[in-house]
Each structure stands twice: as C-alpha cells, then as structure tokens.
Amino acid sequence: MTPAVLPPALDLIGTAIFALTGALLAARLRQTFVTMSFFALVTGVGGGSLRDMLLGAPAFWLHNPWVAQVIFATALIAWFTPRKWWEGELLEWADAAGLAAFAVLGTAKALAYGVAPVPAAVLGVVTGCAGGVARDVIAGVPSIIMRPELYVTAAAFSAAITVAGSLANLADAITWGAAWAGGFALRGAAIRFHLALPAYREQRED
C-alpha cells in the first residue's frame, strides 16, 4: 500500500520559512550570496531530509522542482532587502514559525506512513529542530537548542497537538493549524518572556 503524502505546498511553506532563517543568519555574519544560499538550503531542507530518510521516503526536495527555486528566491530576498529590516528578534520569530511548521509536518507525515503516535511525535520534534541545529553548527554559533528558553518543548507541543487531532479524527486543516499556532505561540512566549524549564543542578553531598 502506498502511504499517504502531505500536500507539497506545505513542505514548500515550511522550507521557505526555515530557509529565511538560514539566509538571515548568513546576512548577520556578512557572508557572500553563495554562502547565504547554502545556509538557506541546509536550513530549509535539513529537517525534512532527516524526516524522509528515517521514514524511508523519497527526499521531498529532490522530487519537487519548486523547492530549490523557493530557497533561491528566499536568499535573494534576504540579500536585496535592507539589513535593518532583519535586526532585533526577527530571526528568532522566523525560526519559531519554522520550528512549529516542521514539527507539524514531521509528525503528520510520520502518521501518514503508519508510524505509531508517540514515535511520530518524536520524529516531529526531530524534524522541527534539525534544520536550526545544522544552521547553527555550520555558522559556528551556539546552537539554538542550548539556549535556556523553551525550544524543543515548543516543537513537542506542536507534535502532541498534531497527534491528538489525528487520534480525534479532526480535519487535517484544523489539526495542523492549531498545532502550528500552539507551538508558535509557546515559542513566541518563550522569546518574549524568557520562559525556560529548570536546569539540572547536581545535588550536593553532606
């Protein structure tokens, strides 16, 4: 039986959002356009590529001719727009949108391929975080998942809502929209109010 697949437009939207974060980081580092395009590519397809590899599915960006064009267009936008447009917290907010989008996409695609709910949610979290981690590692900056604010938790929230909506047999559009909004809102609150989980502290021996 051929597994169900997600509408290609959803992968394109998620890819464009995350590609923008890669291009903006390259702009902050004052890199060349070639480097900016590479950052956009790695960030845009990193999470989805890992998702498809683990699912044994064809890599989405190799079979959709629009993906490369969207990534290149995103890099052009970042290159030709004033840098002041992207200063402040915009990179973090764009990353929050991409994080939630790919967490939903990863979970939904895993469910469509017959993966059980809990592993599907885990794959959604991995999908949401992988692109940003790859971007930061290549840039040589501290990984975003190492910051104290809620990040992985926001991806997990989106993934959990996606699973819950699927188990409740809700319409895909409602489930995915609510899951994206929930994860984005949680990550946004973490950015704005510096929400964080308690850090590990080793117990002192008396």
N, C-alpha and C. Protein backbone atom coordinates (compact mmCIF):
# COMPACT_ATOMS: atom_id res chain seq x y z
N MET A 1 0.85 -1.19 0.00
CA MET A 1 0.00 0.00 0.00
C MET A 1 0.89 1.24 0.00
N THR A 2 0.55 2.20 -0.84
CA THR A 2 1.32 3.45 -0.90
C THR A 2 0.88 4.38 0.22
N PRO A 3 1.81 4.85 1.06
CA PRO A 3 1.42 5.72 2.15
C PRO A 3 0.89 7.05 1.66
N ALA A 4 0.04 7.65 2.48
CA ALA A 4 -0.47 8.97 2.14
C ALA A 4 0.68 9.97 2.22
N VAL A 5 0.57 11.02 1.44
CA VAL A 5 1.59 12.05 1.44
C VAL A 5 0.95 13.40 1.74
N LEU A 6 1.76 14.31 2.24
CA LEU A 6 1.25 15.64 2.54
C LEU A 6 1.22 16.48 1.27
N PRO A 7 0.34 17.48 1.22
CA PRO A 7 0.34 18.39 0.07
C PRO A 7 1.72 19.03 -0.09
N PRO A 8 2.31 19.00 -1.27
CA PRO A 8 3.65 19.56 -1.46
C PRO A 8 3.76 21.02 -1.03
N ALA A 9 2.65 21.76 -1.13
CA ALA A 9 2.70 23.18 -0.76
C ALA A 9 3.07 23.36 0.71
N LEU A 10 2.69 22.43 1.57
CA LEU A 10 3.01 22.55 2.98
C LEU A 10 4.51 22.44 3.21
N ASP A 11 5.15 21.49 2.55
CA ASP A 11 6.61 21.39 2.66
C ASP A 11 7.29 22.64 2.12
N LEU A 12 6.73 23.22 1.06
CA LEU A 12 7.31 24.43 0.48
C LEU A 12 7.24 25.60 1.47
N ILE A 13 6.11 25.72 2.15
CA ILE A 13 5.95 26.82 3.11
C ILE A 13 6.92 26.66 4.26
N GLY A 14 6.98 25.45 4.82
CA GLY A 14 7.92 25.20 5.91
C GLY A 14 9.36 25.42 5.48
N THR A 15 9.69 24.97 4.28
CA THR A 15 11.05 25.14 3.76
C THR A 15 11.39 26.61 3.60
N ALA A 16 10.47 27.40 3.07
CA ALA A 16 10.72 28.82 2.86
C ALA A 16 10.96 29.55 4.17
N ILE A 17 10.17 29.21 5.19
CA ILE A 17 10.33 29.88 6.48
C ILE A 17 11.69 29.58 7.09
N PHE A 18 12.06 28.30 7.10
CA PHE A 18 13.35 27.94 7.68
C PHE A 18 14.52 28.42 6.82
N ALA A 19 14.35 28.40 5.50
CA ALA A 19 15.40 28.90 4.62
C ALA A 19 15.69 30.38 4.90
N LEU A 20 14.63 31.12 5.22
CA LEU A 20 14.82 32.53 5.54
C LEU A 20 15.70 32.70 6.77
N THR A 21 15.51 31.85 7.77
CA THR A 21 16.34 31.98 8.98
C THR A 21 17.81 31.70 8.66
N GLY A 22 18.07 30.74 7.77
CA GLY A 22 19.45 30.48 7.37
C GLY A 22 20.05 31.64 6.63
N ALA A 23 19.28 32.23 5.70
CA ALA A 23 19.77 33.37 4.93
C ALA A 23 20.01 34.57 5.84
N LEU A 24 19.13 34.78 6.81
CA LEU A 24 19.29 35.94 7.71
C LEU A 24 20.51 35.78 8.61
N LEU A 25 20.77 34.57 9.05
CA LEU A 25 21.98 34.36 9.87
C LEU A 25 23.23 34.64 9.05
N ALA A 26 23.23 34.19 7.79
CA ALA A 26 24.38 34.48 6.91
C ALA A 26 24.53 35.98 6.69
N ALA A 27 23.40 36.70 6.60
CA ALA A 27 23.46 38.15 6.44
C ALA A 27 24.07 38.80 7.68
N ARG A 28 23.68 38.32 8.86
CA ARG A 28 24.25 38.86 10.10
C ARG A 28 25.76 38.64 10.15
N LEU A 29 26.20 37.52 9.58
CA LEU A 29 27.62 37.19 9.58
C LEU A 29 28.35 37.82 8.40
N ARG A 30 27.62 38.59 7.57
CA ARG A 30 28.18 39.30 6.42
C ARG A 30 28.87 38.35 5.44
N GLN A 31 28.16 37.31 5.07
CA GLN A 31 28.69 36.32 4.14
C GLN A 31 28.34 36.68 2.70
N THR A 32 28.92 35.95 1.74
CA THR A 32 28.63 36.16 0.33
C THR A 32 27.26 35.59 -0.02
N PHE A 33 26.78 35.92 -1.22
CA PHE A 33 25.47 35.41 -1.63
C PHE A 33 25.50 33.89 -1.77
N VAL A 34 26.62 33.35 -2.23
CA VAL A 34 26.72 31.89 -2.36
C VAL A 34 26.58 31.23 -0.98
N THR A 35 27.28 31.77 0.00
CA THR A 35 27.18 31.23 1.35
C THR A 35 25.79 31.40 1.90
N MET A 36 25.17 32.55 1.63
CA MET A 36 23.80 32.78 2.08
C MET A 36 22.85 31.75 1.48
N SER A 37 23.01 31.46 0.21
CA SER A 37 22.16 30.46 -0.45
C SER A 37 22.37 29.08 0.15
N PHE A 38 23.63 28.76 0.48
CA PHE A 38 23.93 27.46 1.08
C PHE A 38 23.29 27.35 2.46
N PHE A 39 23.38 28.42 3.24
CA PHE A 39 22.74 28.42 4.55
C PHE A 39 21.24 28.23 4.42
N ALA A 40 20.64 28.91 3.45
CA ALA A 40 19.20 28.78 3.22
C ALA A 40 18.85 27.35 2.83
N LEU A 41 19.69 26.73 2.00
CA LEU A 41 19.43 25.36 1.56
C LEU A 41 19.51 24.38 2.73
N VAL A 42 20.61 24.43 3.47
CA VAL A 42 20.81 23.48 4.56
C VAL A 42 19.71 23.62 5.62
N THR A 43 19.39 24.86 5.95
CA THR A 43 18.37 25.08 6.97
C THR A 43 16.98 24.71 6.47
N GLY A 44 16.72 25.02 5.20
CA GLY A 44 15.40 24.78 4.65
C GLY A 44 15.07 23.31 4.47
N VAL A 45 16.04 22.50 4.08
CA VAL A 45 15.75 21.09 3.79
C VAL A 45 16.29 20.14 4.84
N GLY A 46 17.04 20.66 5.83
CA GLY A 46 17.69 19.78 6.80
C GLY A 46 16.71 18.91 7.57
N GLY A 47 15.70 19.52 8.18
CA GLY A 47 14.75 18.76 8.97
C GLY A 47 13.92 17.81 8.13
N GLY A 48 13.44 18.28 6.99
CA GLY A 48 12.64 17.43 6.12
C GLY A 48 13.42 16.28 5.52
N SER A 49 14.69 16.51 5.23
CA SER A 49 15.53 15.44 4.69
C SER A 49 15.74 14.33 5.72
N LEU A 50 16.02 14.73 6.97
CA LEU A 50 16.18 13.74 8.03
C LEU A 50 14.89 12.96 8.26
N ARG A 51 13.78 13.67 8.25
CA ARG A 51 12.46 13.03 8.37
C ARG A 51 12.26 11.97 7.31
N ASP A 52 12.48 12.34 6.05
CA ASP A 52 12.24 11.41 4.95
C ASP A 52 13.20 10.24 4.99
N MET A 53 14.45 10.48 5.39
CA MET A 53 15.43 9.40 5.49
C MET A 53 14.98 8.38 6.53
N LEU A 54 14.54 8.85 7.68
CA LEU A 54 14.11 7.94 8.75
C LEU A 54 12.83 7.19 8.38
N LEU A 55 11.99 7.82 7.58
CA LEU A 55 10.75 7.17 7.16
C LEU A 55 10.96 6.24 5.96
N GLY A 56 12.13 6.32 5.33
CA GLY A 56 12.35 5.55 4.11
C GLY A 56 11.56 6.10 2.94
N ALA A 57 11.29 7.41 2.99
CA ALA A 57 10.51 8.08 1.94
C ALA A 57 11.45 8.82 0.99
N PRO A 58 11.02 9.06 -0.24
CA PRO A 58 11.83 9.86 -1.16
C PRO A 58 12.04 11.26 -0.59
N ALA A 59 13.26 11.76 -0.68
CA ALA A 59 13.55 13.11 -0.17
C ALA A 59 12.67 14.13 -0.88
N PHE A 60 11.91 14.88 -0.11
CA PHE A 60 10.89 15.76 -0.68
C PHE A 60 11.47 16.79 -1.63
N TRP A 61 12.67 17.28 -1.35
CA TRP A 61 13.21 18.37 -2.16
C TRP A 61 13.84 17.87 -3.46
N LEU A 62 14.09 16.57 -3.57
CA LEU A 62 14.62 16.02 -4.81
C LEU A 62 13.52 15.73 -5.82
N HIS A 63 12.29 15.67 -5.36
CA HIS A 63 11.18 15.31 -6.24
C HIS A 63 10.18 16.45 -6.40
N ASN A 64 10.50 17.60 -5.87
CA ASN A 64 9.65 18.78 -6.04
C ASN A 64 10.51 19.88 -6.66
N PRO A 65 10.31 20.19 -7.95
CA PRO A 65 11.18 21.16 -8.62
C PRO A 65 11.08 22.57 -8.06
N TRP A 66 10.06 22.84 -7.24
CA TRP A 66 9.88 24.18 -6.71
C TRP A 66 10.74 24.46 -5.49
N VAL A 67 11.21 23.43 -4.81
CA VAL A 67 11.93 23.64 -3.55
C VAL A 67 13.19 24.48 -3.77
N ALA A 68 14.03 24.08 -4.71
CA ALA A 68 15.26 24.82 -4.97
C ALA A 68 14.96 26.26 -5.38
N GLN A 69 13.91 26.46 -6.17
CA GLN A 69 13.56 27.81 -6.61
C GLN A 69 13.10 28.67 -5.44
N VAL A 70 12.32 28.08 -4.53
CA VAL A 70 11.85 28.81 -3.36
C VAL A 70 13.03 29.20 -2.47
N ILE A 71 13.96 28.27 -2.27
CA ILE A 71 15.13 28.56 -1.44
C ILE A 71 15.97 29.67 -2.07
N PHE A 72 16.21 29.59 -3.38
CA PHE A 72 16.99 30.61 -4.06
C PHE A 72 16.29 31.97 -3.97
N ALA A 73 14.97 31.99 -4.16
CA ALA A 73 14.22 33.25 -4.07
C ALA A 73 14.28 33.83 -2.66
N THR A 74 14.24 32.96 -1.66
CA THR A 74 14.35 33.42 -0.27
C THR A 74 15.71 34.06 -0.02
N ALA A 75 16.76 33.43 -0.53
CA ALA A 75 18.10 34.01 -0.38
C ALA A 75 18.19 35.37 -1.09
N LEU A 76 17.56 35.49 -2.24
CA LEU A 76 17.56 36.77 -2.95
C LEU A 76 16.86 37.85 -2.15
N ILE A 77 15.75 37.49 -1.54
CA ILE A 77 15.01 38.46 -0.72
C ILE A 77 15.89 38.97 0.42
N ALA A 78 16.55 38.03 1.10
CA ALA A 78 17.42 38.42 2.22
C ALA A 78 18.60 39.27 1.73
N TRP A 79 19.10 38.97 0.53
CA TRP A 79 20.27 39.66 0.02
C TRP A 79 19.96 41.10 -0.39
N PHE A 80 18.79 41.31 -1.02
CA PHE A 80 18.48 42.61 -1.60
C PHE A 80 17.63 43.52 -0.70
N THR A 81 17.24 43.05 0.46
CA THR A 81 16.48 43.90 1.37
C THR A 81 17.43 44.51 2.40
N PRO A 82 17.09 45.70 2.92
CA PRO A 82 17.97 46.36 3.90
C PRO A 82 18.18 45.50 5.14
N ARG A 83 19.41 45.48 5.61
CA ARG A 83 19.73 44.66 6.78
C ARG A 83 18.94 45.08 8.01
N LYS A 84 18.62 46.36 8.10
CA LYS A 84 17.90 46.86 9.28
C LYS A 84 16.51 46.23 9.41
N TRP A 85 15.96 45.74 8.26
CA TRP A 85 14.66 45.07 8.33
C TRP A 85 14.73 43.82 9.18
N TRP A 86 15.89 43.20 9.21
CA TRP A 86 16.03 41.88 9.84
C TRP A 86 16.71 41.94 11.21
N GLU A 87 16.95 43.14 11.72
CA GLU A 87 17.60 43.26 13.01
C GLU A 87 16.62 43.00 14.15
N GLY A 88 17.15 42.89 15.35
CA GLY A 88 16.30 42.62 16.51
C GLY A 88 15.99 41.13 16.62
N GLU A 89 14.75 40.82 16.95
CA GLU A 89 14.35 39.44 17.23
C GLU A 89 13.71 38.75 16.03
N LEU A 90 13.78 39.37 14.85
CA LEU A 90 13.06 38.78 13.72
C LEU A 90 13.57 37.39 13.38
N LEU A 91 14.88 37.15 13.48
CA LEU A 91 15.42 35.83 13.20
C LEU A 91 14.81 34.80 14.15
N GLU A 92 14.69 35.16 15.43
CA GLU A 92 14.12 34.23 16.40
C GLU A 92 12.64 33.95 16.10
N TRP A 93 11.90 34.98 15.68
CA TRP A 93 10.48 34.78 15.38
C TRP A 93 10.30 33.95 14.11
N ALA A 94 11.14 34.19 13.11
CA ALA A 94 11.07 33.38 11.89
C ALA A 94 11.41 31.93 12.21
N ASP A 95 12.41 31.74 13.06
CA ASP A 95 12.79 30.39 13.46
C ASP A 95 11.64 29.71 14.22
N ALA A 96 10.94 30.48 15.05
CA ALA A 96 9.79 29.93 15.79
C ALA A 96 8.71 29.44 14.83
N ALA A 97 8.46 30.20 13.77
CA ALA A 97 7.47 29.79 12.79
C ALA A 97 7.90 28.53 12.06
N GLY A 98 9.19 28.46 11.69
CA GLY A 98 9.70 27.27 11.02
C GLY A 98 9.72 26.07 11.92
N LEU A 99 10.08 26.27 13.18
CA LEU A 99 10.11 25.18 14.15
C LEU A 99 8.74 24.52 14.28
N ALA A 100 7.71 25.34 14.47
CA ALA A 100 6.36 24.80 14.62
C ALA A 100 5.89 24.13 13.33
N ALA A 101 6.19 24.76 12.18
CA ALA A 101 5.75 24.20 10.91
C ALA A 101 6.34 22.82 10.66
N PHE A 102 7.64 22.68 10.84
CA PHE A 102 8.27 21.39 10.56
C PHE A 102 7.96 20.35 11.63
N ALA A 103 7.68 20.78 12.86
CA ALA A 103 7.25 19.81 13.88
C ALA A 103 5.91 19.20 13.48
N VAL A 104 5.02 20.04 12.97
CA VAL A 104 3.72 19.55 12.49
C VAL A 104 3.90 18.66 11.27
N LEU A 105 4.69 19.12 10.31
CA LEU A 105 4.90 18.35 9.08
C LEU A 105 5.55 17.00 9.36
N GLY A 106 6.55 17.00 10.23
CA GLY A 106 7.22 15.75 10.55
C GLY A 106 6.30 14.76 11.21
N THR A 107 5.49 15.23 12.15
CA THR A 107 4.55 14.35 12.84
C THR A 107 3.47 13.84 11.90
N ALA A 108 2.91 14.75 11.12
CA ALA A 108 1.83 14.37 10.21
C ALA A 108 2.30 13.37 9.16
N LYS A 109 3.49 13.56 8.64
CA LYS A 109 3.98 12.63 7.62
C LYS A 109 4.28 11.28 8.23
N ALA A 110 4.83 11.27 9.46
CA ALA A 110 5.09 10.00 10.13
C ALA A 110 3.79 9.24 10.35
N LEU A 111 2.74 9.94 10.79
CA LEU A 111 1.44 9.30 10.98
C LEU A 111 0.90 8.76 9.66
N ALA A 112 1.10 9.53 8.59
CA ALA A 112 0.63 9.10 7.28
C ALA A 112 1.35 7.84 6.80
N TYR A 113 2.58 7.63 7.27
CA TYR A 113 3.34 6.45 6.91
C TYR A 113 3.13 5.30 7.89
N GLY A 114 2.16 5.45 8.77
CA GLY A 114 1.80 4.35 9.67
C GLY A 114 2.62 4.26 10.93
N VAL A 115 3.39 5.29 11.26
CA VAL A 115 4.18 5.28 12.49
C VAL A 115 3.24 5.47 13.68
N ALA A 116 3.51 4.79 14.78
CA ALA A 116 2.69 4.91 15.98
C ALA A 116 2.75 6.34 16.52
N PRO A 117 1.73 6.76 17.28
CA PRO A 117 1.64 8.17 17.72
C PRO A 117 2.86 8.71 18.45
N VAL A 118 3.37 8.00 19.44
CA VAL A 118 4.50 8.54 20.21
C VAL A 118 5.76 8.68 19.35
N PRO A 119 6.18 7.63 18.62
CA PRO A 119 7.35 7.80 17.74
C PRO A 119 7.12 8.88 16.68
N ALA A 120 5.88 9.01 16.21
CA ALA A 120 5.57 10.04 15.22
C ALA A 120 5.80 11.43 15.80
N ALA A 121 5.39 11.63 17.05
CA ALA A 121 5.61 12.92 17.71
C ALA A 121 7.10 13.18 17.90
N VAL A 122 7.85 12.13 18.27
CA VAL A 122 9.30 12.28 18.44
C VAL A 122 9.95 12.69 17.12
N LEU A 123 9.52 12.06 16.03
CA LEU A 123 10.06 12.41 14.73
C LEU A 123 9.70 13.85 14.37
N GLY A 124 8.50 14.28 14.78
CA GLY A 124 8.13 15.67 14.54
C GLY A 124 9.05 16.64 15.25
N VAL A 125 9.42 16.33 16.48
CA VAL A 125 10.35 17.18 17.23
C VAL A 125 11.71 17.22 16.54
N VAL A 126 12.19 16.05 16.13
CA VAL A 126 13.49 15.98 15.45
C VAL A 126 13.44 16.78 14.15
N THR A 127 12.35 16.64 13.41
CA THR A 127 12.20 17.36 12.15
C THR A 127 12.23 18.86 12.38
N GLY A 128 11.53 19.31 13.42
CA GLY A 128 11.46 20.74 13.69
C GLY A 128 12.79 21.33 14.11
N CYS A 129 13.59 20.57 14.84
CA CYS A 129 14.84 21.10 15.41
C CYS A 129 16.06 20.92 14.52
N ALA A 130 16.05 19.93 13.63
CA ALA A 130 17.26 19.55 12.90
C ALA A 130 17.80 20.66 12.01
N GLY A 131 16.92 21.36 11.30
CA GLY A 131 17.39 22.40 10.39
C GLY A 131 18.09 23.53 11.12
N GLY A 132 17.51 23.98 12.25
CA GLY A 132 18.13 25.05 13.02
C GLY A 132 19.45 24.63 13.64
N VAL A 133 19.53 23.38 14.09
CA VAL A 133 20.79 22.88 14.66
C VAL A 133 21.87 22.86 13.59
N ALA A 134 21.55 22.33 12.40
CA ALA A 134 22.53 22.29 11.31
C ALA A 134 22.99 23.69 10.94
N ARG A 135 22.07 24.62 10.88
CA ARG A 135 22.41 26.02 10.56
C ARG A 135 23.41 26.59 11.56
N ASP A 136 23.14 26.40 12.84
CA ASP A 136 23.99 26.98 13.88
C ASP A 136 25.36 26.31 13.92
N VAL A 137 25.39 24.99 13.71
CA VAL A 137 26.66 24.28 13.73
C VAL A 137 27.56 24.77 12.59
N ILE A 138 27.00 24.89 11.40
CA ILE A 138 27.79 25.35 10.25
C ILE A 138 28.27 26.78 10.46
N ALA A 139 27.41 27.60 11.09
CA ALA A 139 27.77 29.01 11.31
C ALA A 139 28.78 29.17 12.44
N GLY A 140 28.95 28.12 13.25
CA GLY A 140 29.87 28.21 14.36
C GLY A 140 29.36 29.06 15.51
N VAL A 141 28.01 29.11 15.65
CA VAL A 141 27.41 29.86 16.74
C VAL A 141 26.75 28.88 17.71
N PRO A 142 26.53 29.29 18.97
CA PRO A 142 25.88 28.38 19.91
C PRO A 142 24.54 27.89 19.37
N SER A 143 24.31 26.60 19.46
CA SER A 143 23.07 26.02 18.93
C SER A 143 21.86 26.59 19.65
N ILE A 144 20.81 26.83 18.89
CA ILE A 144 19.61 27.42 19.45
C ILE A 144 18.96 26.52 20.48
N ILE A 145 19.19 25.21 20.38
CA ILE A 145 18.57 24.31 21.36
C ILE A 145 19.29 24.36 22.70
N MET A 146 20.46 25.03 22.77
CA MET A 146 21.19 25.14 24.01
C MET A 146 20.82 26.40 24.78
N ARG A 147 19.95 27.22 24.22
CA ARG A 147 19.52 28.41 24.94
C ARG A 147 18.53 28.01 26.03
N PRO A 148 18.44 28.83 27.08
CA PRO A 148 17.57 28.45 28.19
C PRO A 148 16.08 28.51 27.87
N GLU A 149 15.65 29.36 26.92
CA GLU A 149 14.23 29.47 26.65
C GLU A 149 13.67 28.18 26.05
N LEU A 150 12.37 27.98 26.22
CA LEU A 150 11.70 26.82 25.67
C LEU A 150 11.88 26.78 24.15
N TYR A 151 12.36 25.67 23.64
CA TYR A 151 12.54 25.49 22.20
C TYR A 151 12.07 24.11 21.78
N VAL A 152 12.78 23.08 22.24
CA VAL A 152 12.36 21.72 21.96
C VAL A 152 10.95 21.47 22.50
N THR A 153 10.65 22.07 23.64
CA THR A 153 9.32 21.92 24.25
C THR A 153 8.24 22.46 23.33
N ALA A 154 8.52 23.57 22.64
CA ALA A 154 7.54 24.14 21.72
C ALA A 154 7.30 23.20 20.54
N ALA A 155 8.37 22.59 20.03
CA ALA A 155 8.22 21.60 18.96
C ALA A 155 7.41 20.41 19.44
N ALA A 156 7.67 19.96 20.67
CA ALA A 156 6.92 18.84 21.23
C ALA A 156 5.45 19.18 21.40
N PHE A 157 5.16 20.42 21.74
CA PHE A 157 3.76 20.85 21.89
C PHE A 157 3.04 20.78 20.55
N SER A 158 3.67 21.27 19.49
CA SER A 158 3.08 21.17 18.15
C SER A 158 2.87 19.72 17.75
N ALA A 159 3.88 18.89 18.02
CA ALA A 159 3.78 17.48 17.66
C ALA A 159 2.65 16.79 18.43
N ALA A 160 2.52 17.11 19.71
CA ALA A 160 1.48 16.49 20.53
C ALA A 160 0.08 16.88 20.06
N ILE A 161 -0.10 18.13 19.70
CA ILE A 161 -1.40 18.57 19.19
C ILE A 161 -1.73 17.88 17.88
N THR A 162 -0.71 17.71 17.03
CA THR A 162 -0.92 17.01 15.76
C THR A 162 -1.38 15.58 15.99
N VAL A 163 -0.73 14.89 16.92
CA VAL A 163 -1.12 13.52 17.24
C VAL A 163 -2.53 13.48 17.84
N ALA A 164 -2.81 14.39 18.77
CA ALA A 164 -4.12 14.41 19.41
C ALA A 164 -5.23 14.66 18.40
N GLY A 165 -5.00 15.59 17.49
CA GLY A 165 -6.01 15.87 16.48
C GLY A 165 -6.24 14.69 15.56
N SER A 166 -5.16 13.97 15.22
CA SER A 166 -5.28 12.79 14.37
C SER A 166 -6.07 11.69 15.07
N LEU A 167 -5.76 11.47 16.36
CA LEU A 167 -6.47 10.43 17.12
C LEU A 167 -7.95 10.79 17.30
N ALA A 168 -8.25 12.09 17.34
CA ALA A 168 -9.64 12.53 17.49
C ALA A 168 -10.37 12.62 16.16
N ASN A 169 -9.66 12.27 15.07
CA ASN A 169 -10.23 12.30 13.72
C ASN A 169 -10.72 13.69 13.31
N LEU A 170 -10.00 14.72 13.76
CA LEU A 170 -10.32 16.07 13.33
C LEU A 170 -9.81 16.30 11.91
N ALA A 171 -10.37 17.28 11.26
CA ALA A 171 -9.93 17.61 9.90
C ALA A 171 -8.46 18.02 9.93
N ASP A 172 -7.72 17.63 8.90
CA ASP A 172 -6.29 17.93 8.86
C ASP A 172 -6.02 19.43 8.97
N ALA A 173 -6.80 20.23 8.25
CA ALA A 173 -6.56 21.67 8.27
C ALA A 173 -6.71 22.24 9.67
N ILE A 174 -7.71 21.78 10.41
CA ILE A 174 -7.92 22.25 11.77
C ILE A 174 -6.78 21.79 12.68
N THR A 175 -6.44 20.51 12.57
CA THR A 175 -5.39 19.94 13.42
C THR A 175 -4.05 20.62 13.17
N TRP A 176 -3.65 20.71 11.91
CA TRP A 176 -2.35 21.29 11.59
C TRP A 176 -2.29 22.77 11.93
N GLY A 177 -3.40 23.49 11.68
CA GLY A 177 -3.43 24.91 12.02
C GLY A 177 -3.31 25.15 13.52
N ALA A 178 -4.05 24.37 14.29
CA ALA A 178 -3.99 24.50 15.75
C ALA A 178 -2.62 24.10 16.28
N ALA A 179 -2.05 23.04 15.71
CA ALA A 179 -0.73 22.57 16.16
C ALA A 179 0.34 23.61 15.86
N TRP A 180 0.29 24.18 14.68
CA TRP A 180 1.28 25.22 14.34
C TRP A 180 1.12 26.43 15.26
N ALA A 181 -0.11 26.88 15.43
CA ALA A 181 -0.37 28.05 16.26
C ALA A 181 0.06 27.81 17.70
N GLY A 182 -0.19 26.61 18.22
CA GLY A 182 0.19 26.30 19.59
C GLY A 182 1.69 26.32 19.80
N GLY A 183 2.42 25.66 18.90
CA GLY A 183 3.88 25.65 19.02
C GLY A 183 4.48 27.02 18.82
N PHE A 184 3.97 27.76 17.84
CA PHE A 184 4.49 29.10 17.58
C PHE A 184 4.21 30.03 18.76
N ALA A 185 3.01 29.92 19.34
CA ALA A 185 2.66 30.77 20.48
C ALA A 185 3.55 30.46 21.69
N LEU A 186 3.80 29.17 21.93
CA LEU A 186 4.64 28.80 23.07
C LEU A 186 6.07 29.29 22.87
N ARG A 187 6.61 29.10 21.70
CA ARG A 187 7.97 29.57 21.42
C ARG A 187 8.02 31.09 21.47
N GLY A 188 6.97 31.74 20.95
CA GLY A 188 6.92 33.20 21.00
C GLY A 188 6.88 33.72 22.42
N ALA A 189 6.10 33.06 23.28
CA ALA A 189 6.06 33.46 24.69
C ALA A 189 7.42 33.27 25.34
N ALA A 190 8.13 32.20 24.95
CA ALA A 190 9.46 31.97 25.50
C ALA A 190 10.43 33.07 25.08
N ILE A 191 10.32 33.51 23.81
CA ILE A 191 11.17 34.59 23.33
C ILE A 191 10.87 35.89 24.06
N ARG A 192 9.58 36.18 24.20
CA ARG A 192 9.17 37.46 24.78
C ARG A 192 9.41 37.52 26.29
N PHE A 193 9.07 36.43 26.98
CA PHE A 193 9.11 36.45 28.44
C PHE A 193 10.23 35.58 29.03
N HIS A 194 11.08 35.04 28.16
CA HIS A 194 12.23 34.24 28.60
C HIS A 194 11.79 33.04 29.44
N LEU A 195 10.76 32.35 28.97
CA LEU A 195 10.28 31.16 29.67
C LEU A 195 11.27 30.03 29.48
N ALA A 196 11.56 29.31 30.54
CA ALA A 196 12.54 28.23 30.48
C ALA A 196 12.19 27.15 31.48
N LEU A 197 12.58 25.93 31.20
CA LEU A 197 12.44 24.84 32.15
C LEU A 197 13.59 24.90 33.15
N PRO A 198 13.41 24.35 34.35
CA PRO A 198 14.50 24.36 35.33
C PRO A 198 15.71 23.59 34.80
N ALA A 199 16.89 24.13 35.03
CA ALA A 199 18.13 23.48 34.60
C ALA A 199 18.56 22.45 35.65
N TYR A 200 19.29 21.45 35.19
CA TYR A 200 19.77 20.42 36.10
C TYR A 200 20.79 21.00 37.07
N ARG A 201 20.63 20.63 38.33
CA ARG A 201 21.59 21.02 39.35
C ARG A 201 21.99 19.78 40.14
N GLU A 202 23.28 19.54 40.17
CA GLU A 202 23.76 18.36 40.89
C GLU A 202 23.56 18.52 42.39
N GLN A 203 23.02 17.49 43.00
CA GLN A 203 22.79 17.55 44.45
C GLN A 203 24.11 17.50 45.21
N ARG A 204 24.24 18.37 46.17
CA ARG A 204 25.46 18.39 46.98
C ARG A 204 25.37 17.35 48.08
N GLU A 205 26.47 16.65 48.27
CA GLU A 205 26.51 15.66 49.33
C GLU A 205 26.93 16.31 50.64
N ASP A 206 26.25 15.96 51.68
CA ASP A 206 26.59 16.49 53.01
C ASP A 206 27.79 15.78 53.58
